[in-house]
């Protein structure tokens, strides 16, 4: 339950020697990410973070958590978490100033912020001309003058001025959306400071915060924190940070720091998105890319600055500019060849946008069939529209049956219908996975009402701090043992048993019905992967035959298994890694 108590103050000693290890995954949500800092801080008093993942705003919090863990693990400096608190405590006051629009979009952005704050329809209508004052004035003048020349009288002249004003503003908006916004990579805000902005914009703030949290007093003279820094050299001290971004050019997600494709970037373009010091650092170690003149190779996983990955994950459509990356279109050339055309390999400029478009709650990031340590997941969910709701705003399943299903919502408008369709299309996999046994008990669902988090950039400091309080509650409950890890492992064992039993049975059935014999006969005829020697091919066949024989270890089957094992059941299969 939320309280009005002040947020706690931490000392370095609280973080010095955590007795256990954990992983954490944070959902996307723009300003809803204010929930995360105190959840991270509370967990850090008991756990050392081995793996940290997130999307969008969750990627921002994950990056800061990784920076603090880097200070503790690699620099023996637990005060990194104290510095993390210091930076995050400033967010409620500075939140609106983090979003700084480019100059040509500033009037429109200011109007949208006024609309979000409310204040009455009349006052809002009266401020519409401020979106494009020159166009509005010119349109009003032309419209009014035209009706005056046509003897429209005072009423006609006023009406003509009004119509001219509205038409001019509409024309200006159409031009902005159709012609200017694409030139800004479909974002009002680049993320860096803009003329007239008050305080740092989001990307500069995050870069400075990451440096301070990770390096403390050494930050001014230290290169930008990289994934190589987090990885370190000792296997038992590595910090595995992963953030999701969406490749709009290929229609797929990527999990950074591993991009997984050959790519390059334009230093000139990226200087509009990232601090100069970060760009200088990348350029100093970058190499040229064959057939891509004037571009630099996308940084390797170890060399990729954390700030770059976080910004590529937080690129909410229309709010922040997407991040341009250049690739060689080999697949396009292959398709041309398939159609009988000349297979020309072209260079493409593709855009990377918010990770939440493709995977807003990547709870799969650190999954293994059997967990070595707890993976805590924080989900930001809409509060159901029900007048009978109680005061609790954090839900963590307490029994094996809790969290089994998904809340049902009704739609009564076209906008609600389209919004629900979009959410279903992009989030259905994350949604279903979050209800699975062995998954749902490790998820804390933080419920947010209208005006809380999300795209609400004008939240009051008091409301922002109330979101932090919810994160504090999550952290305290998890750090206090709300997740029974023994029970969690028991349930994951049952899930693993059922899936292995089914998979081995299906494998044995197919293998014994001719597949094994066919494979044995085909080993000398293969047309692909010929680097495998004949001896290695026969060894693969031998080992697969041993897998098929495992089915006898699952005999006899457990009686009434369907009624005894966790539900809903899943499917064990090969999926693409991204």
Protein backbone atom coordinates (compact mmCIF):
# COMPACT_ATOMS: atom_id res chain seq x y z
CA UNK A 1 0.00 0.00 0.00
CA UNK A 2 1.23 3.50 -0.80
CA UNK A 3 2.18 5.72 2.11
CA UNK A 4 2.96 9.37 2.54
CA UNK A 5 6.21 8.60 4.32
CA UNK A 6 9.36 10.24 2.93
CA UNK A 7 11.59 8.18 0.72
CA UNK A 8 14.50 6.62 2.61
CA UNK A 9 18.09 7.83 2.56
CA UNK A 10 20.78 5.22 1.91
CA UNK A 11 24.42 4.95 2.93
CA UNK A 12 27.19 3.08 1.16
CA UNK A 13 27.45 0.55 3.98
CA UNK A 14 24.00 -0.81 3.13
CA UNK A 15 25.27 -1.92 -0.29
CA UNK A 16 28.77 -3.06 0.66
CA UNK A 17 28.33 -6.83 1.03
CA UNK A 18 25.10 -8.21 -0.44
CA UNK A 19 24.71 -11.86 0.59
CA UNK A 20 23.02 -13.09 -2.60
CA UNK A 21 22.84 -12.59 -6.38
CA UNK A 22 19.88 -11.92 -8.67
CA UNK A 23 18.82 -10.83 -12.13
CA UNK A 24 16.25 -8.14 -12.89
CA UNK A 25 14.09 -7.24 -15.91
CA UNK A 26 12.28 -3.90 -16.26
CA UNK A 27 9.34 -3.15 -18.55
CA UNK A 28 9.11 -0.10 -20.81
CA UNK A 29 6.84 2.83 -20.06
CA UNK A 30 8.36 6.35 -20.64
CA UNK A 31 7.74 8.30 -17.40
CA UNK A 32 6.44 5.18 -15.64
CA UNK A 33 10.12 4.34 -15.23
CA UNK A 34 10.06 6.52 -12.12
CA UNK A 35 8.86 3.36 -10.37
CA UNK A 36 12.23 1.67 -10.82
CA UNK A 37 14.97 3.53 -8.89
CA UNK A 38 13.87 2.61 -5.38
CA UNK A 39 13.04 -0.95 -6.37
CA UNK A 40 16.63 -1.26 -7.61
CA UNK A 41 18.04 0.37 -4.47
CA UNK A 42 16.14 -1.91 -2.11
CA UNK A 43 17.10 -5.04 -4.03
CA UNK A 44 20.74 -3.92 -4.09
CA UNK A 45 20.90 -4.07 -0.29
CA UNK A 46 20.41 -7.84 -0.44
CA UNK A 47 21.49 -8.85 -3.94
CA UNK A 48 24.33 -8.27 -6.36
CA UNK A 49 22.94 -7.80 -9.86
CA UNK A 50 24.45 -10.35 -12.24
CA UNK A 51 22.11 -9.72 -15.18
CA UNK A 52 20.05 -6.59 -15.82
CA UNK A 53 17.64 -6.11 -18.71
CA UNK A 54 15.03 -3.67 -19.87
CA UNK A 55 13.21 -1.91 -22.65
CA UNK A 56 12.63 1.81 -23.26
CA UNK A 57 12.34 3.52 -19.85
CA UNK A 58 13.22 0.15 -18.36
CA UNK A 59 16.47 0.28 -20.34
CA UNK A 60 17.29 3.66 -18.77
CA UNK A 61 16.82 2.25 -15.27
CA UNK A 62 18.69 -0.92 -16.21
CA UNK A 63 21.65 1.12 -17.46
CA UNK A 64 21.80 3.12 -14.23
CA UNK A 65 21.54 -0.06 -12.14
CA UNK A 66 24.38 -1.59 -14.16
CA UNK A 67 26.51 1.52 -13.64
CA UNK A 68 25.99 1.33 -9.87
CA UNK A 69 26.75 -2.40 -9.86
CA UNK A 70 29.88 -1.71 -11.90
CA UNK A 71 31.08 0.72 -9.23
CA UNK A 72 30.42 -1.84 -6.50
CA UNK A 73 31.72 -4.95 -8.27
CA UNK A 74 34.65 -3.65 -10.33
CA UNK A 75 35.73 -0.59 -8.35
CA UNK A 76 34.86 -1.74 -4.82
CA UNK A 77 32.74 1.40 -4.51
CA UNK A 78 29.27 0.66 -3.08
CA UNK A 79 28.52 4.39 -2.95
CA UNK A 80 27.58 4.15 -6.62
CA UNK A 81 24.10 3.26 -5.42
CA UNK A 82 24.07 6.36 -3.20
CA UNK A 83 24.94 8.45 -6.25
CA UNK A 84 22.18 6.65 -8.16
CA UNK A 85 19.68 7.75 -5.53
CA UNK A 86 20.96 11.33 -5.69
CA UNK A 87 20.39 11.57 -9.44
CA UNK A 88 17.00 9.87 -9.38
CA UNK A 89 15.73 12.02 -6.51
CA UNK A 90 16.07 15.05 -8.79
CA UNK A 91 13.84 13.57 -11.49
CA UNK A 92 10.42 14.61 -10.12
CA UNK A 93 11.39 18.29 -10.31
CA UNK A 94 13.23 18.17 -13.63
CA UNK A 95 11.03 15.66 -15.49
CA UNK A 96 9.34 18.05 -17.99
CA UNK A 97 12.66 19.68 -18.89
CA UNK A 98 14.20 16.37 -19.97
CA UNK A 99 12.02 16.43 -23.08
CA UNK A 100 13.30 19.28 -25.27
CA UNK A 101 11.84 19.61 -28.75
CA UNK A 102 13.72 20.92 -31.75
CA UNK A 103 13.14 24.59 -32.37
CA UNK A 104 10.73 24.15 -35.29
CA UNK A 105 8.56 21.77 -33.24
CA UNK A 106 8.65 23.75 -30.01
CA UNK A 107 5.28 25.56 -30.44
CA UNK A 108 3.53 22.27 -31.23
CA UNK A 109 5.25 20.51 -28.33
CA UNK A 110 4.31 23.32 -25.94
CA UNK A 111 0.69 23.10 -27.08
CA UNK A 112 0.65 19.34 -26.50
CA UNK A 113 2.05 19.85 -23.00
CA UNK A 114 -0.63 22.46 -22.25
CA UNK A 115 -3.28 20.04 -23.49
CA UNK A 116 -1.90 17.35 -21.21
CA UNK A 117 -1.98 19.64 -18.18
CA UNK A 118 -5.64 20.51 -18.86
CA UNK A 119 -7.12 23.86 -17.87
CA UNK A 120 -10.33 24.00 -19.87
CA UNK A 121 -11.29 23.60 -23.51
CA UNK A 122 -11.73 27.33 -24.18
CA UNK A 123 -8.28 28.29 -22.96
CA UNK A 124 -6.81 25.43 -24.97
CA UNK A 125 -8.60 26.52 -28.15
CA UNK A 126 -7.35 30.06 -27.68
CA UNK A 127 -3.76 28.80 -27.66
CA UNK A 128 -4.06 26.85 -30.94
CA UNK A 129 -2.69 29.76 -33.03
CA UNK A 130 0.53 29.52 -31.01
CA UNK A 131 1.28 26.24 -32.81
CA UNK A 132 2.13 28.20 -35.96
CA UNK A 133 1.77 31.91 -35.16
CA UNK A 134 3.01 33.23 -38.50
CA UNK A 135 0.81 30.88 -40.50
CA UNK A 136 -2.15 31.60 -38.24
CA UNK A 137 -1.70 35.35 -38.56
CA UNK A 138 -1.26 35.22 -42.33
CA UNK A 139 -4.26 32.94 -42.75
CA UNK A 140 -6.45 35.14 -40.58
CA UNK A 141 -5.37 38.24 -42.49
CA UNK A 142 -6.00 36.72 -45.91
CA UNK A 143 -9.33 35.14 -44.90
CA UNK A 144 -10.61 38.27 -43.21
CA UNK A 145 -9.48 40.55 -46.03
CA UNK A 146 -11.09 38.32 -48.65
CA UNK A 147 -14.49 38.33 -46.89
CA UNK A 148 -14.22 42.08 -46.30
CA UNK A 149 -13.60 42.67 -50.02
CA UNK A 150 -16.65 40.49 -50.76
CA UNK A 151 -18.76 42.74 -48.51
CA UNK A 152 -19.15 40.07 -45.87
CA UNK A 153 -19.64 42.62 -43.14
CA UNK A 154 -18.14 42.38 -39.68
CA UNK A 155 -19.46 38.87 -39.00
CA UNK A 156 -18.26 37.60 -42.38
CA UNK A 157 -14.87 39.21 -41.96
CA UNK A 158 -14.43 37.60 -38.53
CA UNK A 159 -15.59 34.23 -39.89
CA UNK A 160 -13.20 34.52 -42.82
CA UNK A 161 -10.34 35.35 -40.50
CA UNK A 162 -11.18 32.33 -38.33
CA UNK A 163 -11.43 29.96 -41.29
CA UNK A 164 -8.21 31.32 -42.75
CA UNK A 165 -6.46 30.91 -39.42
CA UNK A 166 -7.60 27.30 -39.01
CA UNK A 167 -6.80 26.40 -42.62
CA UNK A 168 -3.31 27.86 -42.36
CA UNK A 169 -2.59 26.00 -39.13
CA UNK A 170 -3.89 22.75 -40.65
CA UNK A 171 -1.70 23.27 -43.72
CA UNK A 172 1.30 23.95 -41.50
CA UNK A 173 0.67 20.81 -39.45
CA UNK A 174 0.27 18.68 -42.59
CA UNK A 175 3.54 20.05 -43.93
CA UNK A 176 5.25 19.41 -40.61
CA UNK A 177 4.06 15.81 -40.42
CA UNK A 178 4.55 14.91 -44.08
CA UNK A 179 7.76 16.75 -44.88
CA UNK A 180 9.63 17.96 -41.80
CA UNK A 181 9.13 15.13 -39.29
CA UNK A 182 10.69 12.49 -41.59
CA UNK A 183 13.77 14.71 -41.80
CA UNK A 184 14.01 14.54 -38.01
CA UNK A 185 13.71 10.75 -38.07
CA UNK A 186 10.13 10.97 -36.83
CA UNK A 187 10.80 12.54 -33.46
CA UNK A 188 10.10 15.95 -31.94
CA UNK A 189 13.01 15.61 -29.48
CA UNK A 190 16.54 14.49 -30.42
CA UNK A 191 17.42 13.85 -26.78
CA UNK A 192 20.22 16.41 -26.54
CA UNK A 193 19.95 19.95 -25.18
CA UNK A 194 18.09 22.42 -27.39
CA UNK A 195 18.39 26.23 -27.41
CA UNK A 196 16.15 27.69 -24.73
CA UNK A 197 15.92 24.44 -22.80
CA UNK A 198 16.04 24.61 -19.02
CA UNK A 199 18.58 22.15 -17.69
CA UNK A 200 19.89 19.02 -19.37
CA UNK A 201 17.84 17.09 -21.89
CA UNK A 202 17.37 13.37 -21.33
CA UNK A 203 20.42 12.00 -23.17
CA UNK A 204 22.87 14.45 -21.59
CA UNK A 205 21.35 13.89 -18.16
CA UNK A 206 21.60 10.13 -18.55
CA UNK A 207 25.18 10.26 -19.83
CA UNK A 208 26.32 12.45 -16.94
CA UNK A 209 24.41 10.31 -14.44
CA UNK A 210 25.90 7.07 -15.80
CA UNK A 211 29.42 8.48 -15.59
CA UNK A 212 28.96 9.81 -12.07
CA UNK A 213 27.27 6.65 -10.78
CA UNK A 214 29.91 4.37 -12.31
CA UNK A 215 33.09 6.36 -11.74
CA UNK A 216 32.35 8.88 -9.01
CA UNK A 217 35.04 11.60 -8.75
CA UNK A 218 36.92 10.05 -11.69
CA UNK A 219 34.00 10.59 -14.08
CA UNK A 220 35.30 13.79 -15.79
CA UNK A 221 38.49 12.06 -16.95
CA UNK A 222 37.04 8.62 -17.71
CA UNK A 223 35.68 7.44 -21.09
CA UNK A 224 31.99 6.69 -21.40
CA UNK A 225 30.92 3.52 -19.60
CA UNK A 226 30.94 0.64 -22.10
CA UNK A 227 29.63 -2.90 -22.12
CA UNK A 228 33.25 -4.05 -22.05
CA UNK A 229 33.65 -2.25 -18.73
CA UNK A 230 30.61 -4.08 -17.37
CA UNK A 231 31.86 -7.44 -18.60
CA UNK A 232 35.32 -7.04 -17.08
CA UNK A 233 37.75 -9.94 -17.08
CA UNK A 234 36.68 -12.18 -14.18
CA UNK A 235 33.81 -14.51 -15.13
CA UNK A 236 32.29 -14.44 -11.64
CA UNK A 237 32.18 -10.63 -11.60
CA UNK A 238 30.67 -9.95 -15.01
CA UNK A 239 27.61 -7.73 -15.29
CA UNK A 240 25.32 -8.78 -18.14
CA UNK A 241 23.32 -5.75 -19.29
CA UNK A 242 20.88 -6.25 -22.17
CA UNK A 243 18.43 -3.78 -23.67
CA UNK A 244 15.96 -4.23 -26.51
CA UNK A 245 15.64 -1.96 -29.53
CA UNK A 246 13.44 -2.28 -32.63
CA UNK A 247 14.84 -2.40 -36.16
CA UNK A 248 12.15 -0.74 -38.27
CA UNK A 249 14.04 -1.45 -41.50
CA UNK A 250 13.90 -5.21 -41.00
CA UNK A 251 10.85 -5.38 -38.75
CA UNK A 252 12.58 -7.19 -35.89
CA UNK A 253 13.99 -6.63 -32.39
CA UNK A 254 17.65 -6.64 -31.39
CA UNK A 255 19.09 -7.17 -27.93
CA UNK A 256 22.06 -4.87 -27.45
CA UNK A 257 25.03 -4.86 -27.06
CA UNK A 258 25.01 -7.57 -29.76
CA UNK A 259 23.52 -6.06 -32.90
CA UNK A 260 23.89 -9.30 -34.85
CA UNK A 261 24.17 -7.68 -38.28
CA UNK A 262 26.94 -5.88 -40.14
CA UNK A 263 26.18 -2.18 -39.78
CA UNK A 264 27.68 1.29 -39.81
CA UNK A 265 26.75 4.75 -38.63
CA UNK A 266 27.23 8.34 -39.74
CA UNK A 267 29.24 10.32 -37.21
CA UNK A 268 27.53 13.51 -38.36
CA UNK A 269 24.06 12.04 -37.78
CA UNK A 270 24.93 10.61 -34.39
CA UNK A 271 26.36 13.89 -33.13
CA UNK A 272 22.79 15.18 -33.24
CA UNK A 273 21.78 12.40 -30.83
CA UNK A 274 24.73 11.70 -28.53
CA UNK A 275 27.15 13.86 -26.51
CA UNK A 276 30.32 14.94 -28.32
CA UNK A 277 32.57 13.08 -25.88
CA UNK A 278 30.75 9.82 -26.62
CA UNK A 279 30.99 10.36 -30.38
CA UNK A 280 34.70 11.20 -30.11
CA UNK A 281 35.28 8.02 -28.12
CA UNK A 282 33.52 5.82 -30.67
CA UNK A 283 35.21 7.49 -33.64
CA UNK A 284 38.67 7.00 -32.10
CA UNK A 285 38.29 3.21 -32.14
CA UNK A 286 36.00 2.82 -35.15
CA UNK A 287 37.01 1.25 -38.44
CA UNK A 288 35.84 1.93 -41.97
CA UNK A 289 33.32 -0.39 -43.60
CA UNK A 290 33.87 -1.85 -47.06
CA UNK A 291 31.59 -0.35 -49.73
CA UNK A 292 30.17 2.20 -47.25
CA UNK A 293 32.28 5.34 -47.74
CA UNK A 294 32.06 8.06 -45.12
CA UNK A 295 30.61 5.74 -42.48
CA UNK A 296 32.08 4.10 -39.39
CA UNK A 297 31.54 0.52 -38.26
CA UNK A 298 28.90 0.04 -35.57
CA UNK A 299 30.75 -0.48 -32.27
CA UNK A 300 31.56 -4.03 -31.21
CA UNK A 301 29.72 -5.33 -28.12
CA UNK A 302 32.63 -4.50 -25.81
CA UNK A 303 33.18 -1.04 -27.30
CA UNK A 304 29.52 0.00 -27.42
CA UNK A 305 28.86 2.79 -24.87
CA UNK A 306 25.99 2.01 -22.54
CA UNK A 307 24.43 5.42 -23.25
CA UNK A 308 24.13 4.56 -26.97
CA UNK A 309 22.32 1.29 -26.30
CA UNK A 310 19.99 2.93 -23.78
CA UNK A 311 19.09 5.72 -26.23
CA UNK A 312 18.48 3.19 -29.02
CA UNK A 313 16.04 1.41 -26.71
CA UNK A 314 14.31 4.63 -25.60
CA UNK A 315 13.11 6.12 -28.88
CA UNK A 316 9.38 6.43 -28.32
CA UNK A 317 7.75 7.11 -31.73
CA UNK A 318 7.19 10.82 -32.44
CA UNK A 319 8.52 11.84 -29.02
CA UNK A 320 12.18 10.94 -29.63
CA UNK A 321 13.97 10.72 -32.96
CA UNK A 322 14.75 7.21 -34.10
CA UNK A 323 18.45 6.30 -34.34
CA UNK A 324 19.73 5.89 -37.93
CA UNK A 325 22.02 2.97 -38.79
CA UNK A 326 23.33 2.01 -42.23
CA UNK A 327 23.45 -1.56 -43.57
CA UNK A 328 24.29 -3.44 -46.76
CA UNK A 329 21.08 -5.02 -48.07
CA UNK A 330 22.29 -8.53 -48.92
CA UNK A 331 18.83 -10.03 -48.46
CA UNK A 332 17.36 -7.54 -50.91
CA UNK A 333 19.95 -8.53 -53.49
CA UNK A 334 19.05 -12.18 -52.95
CA UNK A 335 15.38 -11.41 -53.57
CA UNK A 336 16.29 -9.59 -56.79
CA UNK A 337 18.23 -12.64 -57.94
CA UNK A 338 15.19 -14.80 -57.18
CA UNK A 339 13.06 -12.63 -59.46
CA UNK A 340 15.61 -12.83 -62.27
CA UNK A 341 16.90 -9.27 -61.83
CA UNK A 342 20.50 -8.14 -61.38
CA UNK A 343 21.43 -8.79 -57.70
CA UNK A 344 22.73 -5.34 -56.74
CA UNK A 345 23.70 -4.93 -53.07
CA UNK A 346 22.53 -1.49 -51.99
CA UNK A 347 23.30 0.53 -48.89
CA UNK A 348 20.23 1.26 -46.76
CA UNK A 349 19.68 3.84 -44.05
CA UNK A 350 17.40 2.13 -41.53
CA UNK A 351 15.95 3.41 -38.27
CA UNK A 352 16.06 1.92 -34.79
CA UNK A 353 13.11 2.90 -32.61
CA UNK A 354 11.77 2.13 -29.16
CA UNK A 355 12.32 -1.41 -27.94
CA UNK A 356 8.77 -1.47 -26.61
CA UNK A 357 7.47 -1.70 -30.17
CA UNK A 358 8.72 -5.28 -30.45
CA UNK A 359 9.27 -6.47 -26.85
CA UNK A 360 8.07 -4.16 -24.11
CA UNK A 361 8.51 -6.67 -21.29
CA UNK A 362 11.43 -8.96 -22.19
CA UNK A 363 11.15 -11.36 -19.26
CA UNK A 364 12.75 -14.05 -21.43
CA UNK A 365 16.14 -12.32 -21.47
CA UNK A 366 17.93 -14.39 -18.83
CA UNK A 367 15.76 -17.47 -18.79
CA UNK A 368 17.22 -20.94 -18.43
CA UNK A 369 15.34 -24.19 -18.11
CA UNK A 370 16.46 -24.36 -14.47
CA UNK A 371 17.20 -21.05 -12.68
CA UNK A 372 20.45 -20.59 -10.73
CA UNK A 373 19.27 -17.40 -9.01
CA UNK A 374 16.06 -15.37 -8.84
CA UNK A 375 15.15 -13.12 -11.75
CA UNK A 376 12.86 -10.35 -10.54
CA UNK A 377 10.63 -8.67 -13.10
CA UNK A 378 8.75 -5.38 -12.75
CA UNK A 379 5.71 -4.77 -14.94
CA UNK A 380 3.92 -1.43 -15.30
CA UNK A 381 0.21 -2.13 -15.81
CA UNK A 382 -2.89 0.00 -16.26
CA UNK A 383 -5.20 0.18 -13.28
CA UNK A 384 -8.52 -1.47 -14.22
CA UNK A 385 -11.41 0.98 -14.57
CA UNK A 386 -13.35 -0.28 -11.58
CA UNK A 387 -14.84 1.95 -8.88
CA UNK A 388 -14.66 -0.93 -6.39
CA UNK A 389 -10.85 -1.09 -6.40
CA UNK A 390 -8.98 -0.94 -3.11
CA UNK A 391 -5.93 1.15 -2.26
CA UNK A 392 -3.24 -1.43 -3.09
CA UNK A 393 -1.18 -0.62 -6.19
CA UNK A 394 1.40 -3.44 -6.18
CA UNK A 395 0.49 -7.06 -6.94
CA UNK A 396 2.93 -9.94 -6.47
CA UNK A 397 1.41 -13.45 -6.76
CA UNK A 398 1.50 -15.21 -3.40
CA UNK A 399 0.23 -18.67 -4.39
CA UNK A 400 0.74 -21.01 -7.32
CA UNK A 401 -2.65 -20.04 -8.77
CA UNK A 402 -2.26 -16.26 -8.54
CA UNK A 403 -1.44 -14.40 -11.75
CA UNK A 404 -2.84 -17.24 -13.86
CA UNK A 405 -4.89 -15.05 -16.19
CA UNK A 406 -4.98 -11.59 -17.74
CA UNK A 407 -7.45 -8.80 -16.86
CA UNK A 408 -10.19 -8.27 -19.45
CA UNK A 409 -10.97 -4.81 -20.74
CA UNK A 410 -13.88 -3.47 -22.79
CA UNK A 411 -13.57 -1.06 -25.71
CA UNK A 412 -16.24 1.51 -26.52
CA UNK A 413 -14.59 3.87 -29.01
CA UNK A 414 -12.66 3.71 -32.25
CA UNK A 415 -9.50 5.03 -30.58
CA UNK A 416 -9.77 2.46 -27.79
CA UNK A 417 -10.34 -0.30 -30.34
CA UNK A 418 -7.29 0.70 -32.38
CA UNK A 419 -5.19 1.04 -29.25
CA UNK A 420 -6.23 -2.38 -27.99
CA UNK A 421 -5.48 -3.91 -31.40
CA UNK A 422 -2.00 -2.35 -31.43
CA UNK A 423 -1.21 -3.57 -27.91
CA UNK A 424 -2.44 -7.08 -28.73
CA UNK A 425 -0.34 -7.18 -31.90
CA UNK A 426 2.92 -6.12 -30.26
CA UNK A 427 2.61 -7.45 -26.69
CA UNK A 428 0.81 -10.79 -26.96
CA UNK A 429 3.96 -12.89 -26.52
CA UNK A 430 5.11 -10.95 -23.45
CA UNK A 431 1.58 -11.11 -22.04
CA UNK A 432 1.24 -14.87 -22.40
CA UNK A 433 4.72 -15.57 -21.05
CA UNK A 434 3.96 -13.48 -17.96
CA UNK A 435 1.12 -15.85 -17.01
CA UNK A 436 3.17 -19.05 -17.24
CA UNK A 437 3.98 -21.11 -14.14
CA UNK A 438 7.53 -20.48 -13.02
CA UNK A 439 7.23 -16.98 -14.47
CA UNK A 440 4.27 -15.24 -12.91
CA UNK A 441 5.38 -15.48 -9.27
CA UNK A 442 8.54 -13.47 -10.01
CA UNK A 443 6.64 -10.56 -11.58
CA UNK A 444 5.61 -7.52 -9.54
CA UNK A 445 2.79 -5.69 -11.27
CA UNK A 446 2.72 -1.98 -10.43
CA UNK A 447 -0.73 -0.56 -11.19
CA UNK A 448 -0.90 2.94 -12.66
CA UNK A 449 -4.04 5.03 -12.98
CA UNK A 450 -4.92 7.75 -15.52
CA UNK A 451 -2.36 10.53 -15.46
CA UNK A 452 0.28 8.34 -13.80
CA UNK A 453 3.39 7.50 -15.79
CA UNK A 454 3.21 6.60 -19.46
CA UNK A 455 3.26 9.61 -21.75
CA UNK A 456 2.36 12.01 -18.92
CA UNK A 457 5.37 14.31 -19.16
CA UNK A 458 3.77 16.99 -16.98
CA UNK A 459 3.25 14.93 -13.83
CA UNK A 460 3.55 16.93 -10.63
CA UNK A 461 6.60 16.22 -8.44
CA UNK A 462 4.26 14.82 -5.80
CA UNK A 463 2.75 12.33 -8.23
CA UNK A 464 6.19 11.38 -9.53
CA UNK A 465 7.36 10.65 -5.99
CA UNK A 466 4.28 8.52 -5.39
CA UNK A 467 5.42 6.30 -8.28
CA UNK A 468 8.82 6.04 -6.63
CA UNK A 469 7.03 4.91 -3.46
CA UNK A 470 5.48 2.02 -5.37
CA UNK A 471 8.90 0.96 -6.56
CA UNK A 472 10.13 1.15 -2.98
CA UNK A 473 7.33 -1.21 -1.95
CA UNK A 474 8.25 -3.67 -4.70
CA UNK A 475 11.91 -3.61 -3.71
CA UNK A 476 11.19 -4.11 -0.03
CA UNK A 477 8.80 -6.97 -0.66
CA UNK A 478 11.18 -8.80 -2.98
CA UNK A 479 14.22 -8.11 -0.79
CA UNK A 480 12.17 -9.27 2.19
CA UNK A 481 11.55 -12.67 0.64
CA UNK A 482 8.18 -12.21 -1.09
CA UNK A 483 9.44 -14.52 -3.83
CA UNK A 484 9.92 -17.96 -2.27
CA UNK A 485 12.87 -19.06 -4.38
CA UNK A 486 12.62 -22.68 -3.25
CA UNK A 487 8.99 -22.80 -4.40
CA UNK A 488 9.95 -20.99 -7.60
CA UNK A 489 12.61 -23.60 -8.38
CA UNK A 490 10.18 -26.41 -7.55
CA UNK A 491 7.64 -25.05 -10.03
CA UNK A 492 10.31 -24.52 -12.68
CA UNK A 493 11.42 -28.14 -12.12
CA UNK A 494 7.88 -29.37 -12.77
CA UNK A 495 7.61 -27.22 -15.90
CA UNK A 496 10.99 -28.52 -17.11
CA UNK A 497 9.98 -32.12 -16.39
CA UNK A 498 6.76 -31.90 -18.38
CA UNK A 499 8.39 -30.18 -21.33
CA UNK A 500 11.35 -32.56 -21.44
CA UNK A 501 9.02 -35.56 -21.17
CA UNK A 502 6.89 -34.33 -24.08
CA UNK A 503 9.88 -33.31 -26.19
CA UNK A 504 11.75 -36.57 -25.66
CA UNK A 505 8.61 -38.62 -26.40
CA UNK A 506 7.97 -36.74 -29.65
CA UNK A 507 11.64 -36.99 -30.60
CA UNK A 508 11.69 -40.75 -29.91
CA UNK A 509 8.50 -41.32 -31.89
CA UNK A 510 9.81 -39.48 -34.96
CA UNK A 511 13.28 -41.00 -34.69
CA UNK A 512 12.01 -44.57 -34.47
CA UNK A 513 9.50 -44.07 -37.29
CA UNK A 514 12.23 -43.73 -39.88
CA UNK A 515 14.00 -40.43 -39.20
CA UNK A 516 16.99 -42.09 -37.50
CA UNK A 517 17.45 -44.58 -40.33
CA UNK A 518 17.06 -41.87 -42.97
CA UNK A 519 19.66 -39.66 -41.29
CA UNK A 520 22.15 -42.54 -41.09
CA UNK A 521 21.81 -43.10 -44.84
CA UNK A 522 22.07 -39.40 -45.70
CA UNK A 523 25.27 -38.60 -43.81
CA UNK A 524 27.44 -39.21 -46.89
CA UNK A 525 25.19 -37.25 -49.28
CA UNK A 526 24.81 -33.86 -47.58
CA UNK A 527 25.04 -30.68 -49.69
CA UNK A 528 25.46 -28.18 -46.84
CA UNK A 529 27.60 -27.75 -43.72
CA UNK A 530 30.29 -29.95 -45.27
CA UNK A 531 32.92 -28.65 -42.88
CA UNK A 532 31.62 -31.33 -40.54
CA UNK A 533 33.77 -34.40 -41.23
CA UNK A 534 32.17 -37.78 -41.83
CA UNK A 535 33.30 -38.89 -38.39
CA UNK A 536 31.66 -35.83 -36.82
CA UNK A 537 28.42 -36.46 -38.72
CA UNK A 538 28.30 -40.04 -37.48
CA UNK A 539 28.98 -38.82 -33.93
CA UNK A 540 26.02 -36.43 -34.20
CA UNK A 541 23.81 -39.33 -35.31
CA UNK A 542 25.04 -41.43 -32.39
CA UNK A 543 24.27 -38.70 -29.87
CA UNK A 544 20.82 -38.03 -31.30
CA UNK A 545 20.11 -41.74 -31.06
CA UNK A 546 21.05 -41.53 -27.38
CA UNK A 547 18.58 -38.67 -26.93
CA UNK A 548 15.83 -40.79 -28.49
CA UNK A 549 16.62 -43.53 -25.97
CA UNK A 550 15.98 -41.14 -23.08
CA UNK A 551 12.23 -41.70 -23.42
CA UNK A 552 12.51 -44.83 -21.27
CA UNK A 553 13.55 -42.62 -18.33
CA UNK A 554 10.05 -41.11 -18.36
CA UNK A 555 8.26 -44.46 -18.06
CA UNK A 556 5.81 -45.12 -16.56
CA UNK A 557 4.03 -41.75 -16.91
CA UNK A 558 2.71 -39.98 -13.83
CA UNK A 559 -0.97 -40.79 -13.31
CA UNK A 560 -3.42 -37.93 -13.90
CA UNK A 561 -0.50 -35.72 -14.88
CA UNK A 562 -2.70 -33.00 -16.37
CA UNK A 563 -4.39 -32.38 -13.04
CA UNK A 564 -1.18 -32.41 -11.01
CA UNK A 565 1.35 -30.32 -12.94
CA UNK A 566 1.39 -26.51 -13.37
CA UNK A 567 -0.88 -24.84 -15.89
CA UNK A 568 -1.02 -23.32 -18.45
CA UNK A 569 1.41 -25.61 -20.23
CA UNK A 570 4.03 -24.32 -22.65
CA UNK A 571 6.01 -25.55 -25.64
CA UNK A 572 9.75 -26.31 -25.72
CA UNK A 573 11.06 -25.44 -29.17
CA UNK A 574 13.82 -23.65 -31.06
CA UNK A 575 13.19 -19.90 -31.34
CA UNK A 576 15.39 -17.24 -32.93
CA UNK A 577 17.77 -15.49 -30.58
CA UNK A 578 17.65 -11.72 -30.81
